[in-house]
């Protein structure tokens, strides 16, 4: 019994010890404990023990501390891998180690924390399968990957959509069934951005697309131009772009081709409403320079909701409009796509 009492006392004492965690202190005196994830663009992403994942403006912080080494890059380019302690008002204390002497640093002198130049992105899959009075199969797949450094950004994306349905025909009392395609298209695109400063960048891009149901054997839109990053925060991104593109279309069934030089006007916007839900909207518009009646645009808008740290559900509306469609085909295609994805 004596040993049992001593063991219970030891466990109770251990449970009473403070749990070590990263900590941020606001200028108004409020504090949060948890984990410092990243900081860039003047915004820190902090996973709080109580509030969950939050995005904090660095201007609101008095100081912060970490329980272990974190990677800190200063505005002058110096990189420090060190444990950070809380410092005086508006400063943090860097522990001595290696070639680094213990010192206080202004919070305003920190450019990034734990900034990783790795590939990030998502893979999204969706589909439907119906049997009975209705017999259809639909499959969609999309991938987006981005690698961002302080000087450039490389983006790759692609998608595939396929659908078919079974129809029955009765002639002279004899019923036959056949399957016909309702969707069959794919695209792949790549884009490179080079930043002249934190806001202004130049880009080159290209996109290949095939849509057999729309009669498009191949649609190609390579181009180059300038972009401006109005906002690049962890919870909000907004950029606009303008440049010159080559718009080429090849039609199926001997429909010939159409080509022109066009402007490219585009924007991208996404916003996290909270740590679970975000919305997005994209637009690319290609007005022909040689003919006002020759243009093409594609746009989408949607909502994404996290299910776990890696998995999410997404719903989006996608619209394409081509003023020069394939012979016998319509100008536009509207799609409603629901899928489940994984972040990487």
Foldseek 3Di string as FASTA:
>chain_A
DVVVVVVVVVVVVVVPDDDDFKKWAFPVGDMFGAHFDKDAPQWTFGAGPPQGTDIDRLVGTQWIWGPWWKWWAFPVGDIDTAGWATDGGQWIWGDDDDPDHIDIDGSVRTHMINDDQDKKWKKWKDWDADDDPWGKIKIKIKIWIWGDDQFKIKIKIKMWIWMKTKDWDADPNDIDIDIDTPWGKMKIKIKMWGDPHNFKIKMWMKMWMDTVVQQWRIWIKTWIWMKTWPDDGPFKTKMKIKTKIKIKTDGPPPQGIDIAIWIWIKMKIKGAPDPFKIKIKIKIKTQGPVDNLFIKMKMKIWMWGDPDPFKIKIWMKIKIAGSDTGPPGHGMDIDIDIIMMTID
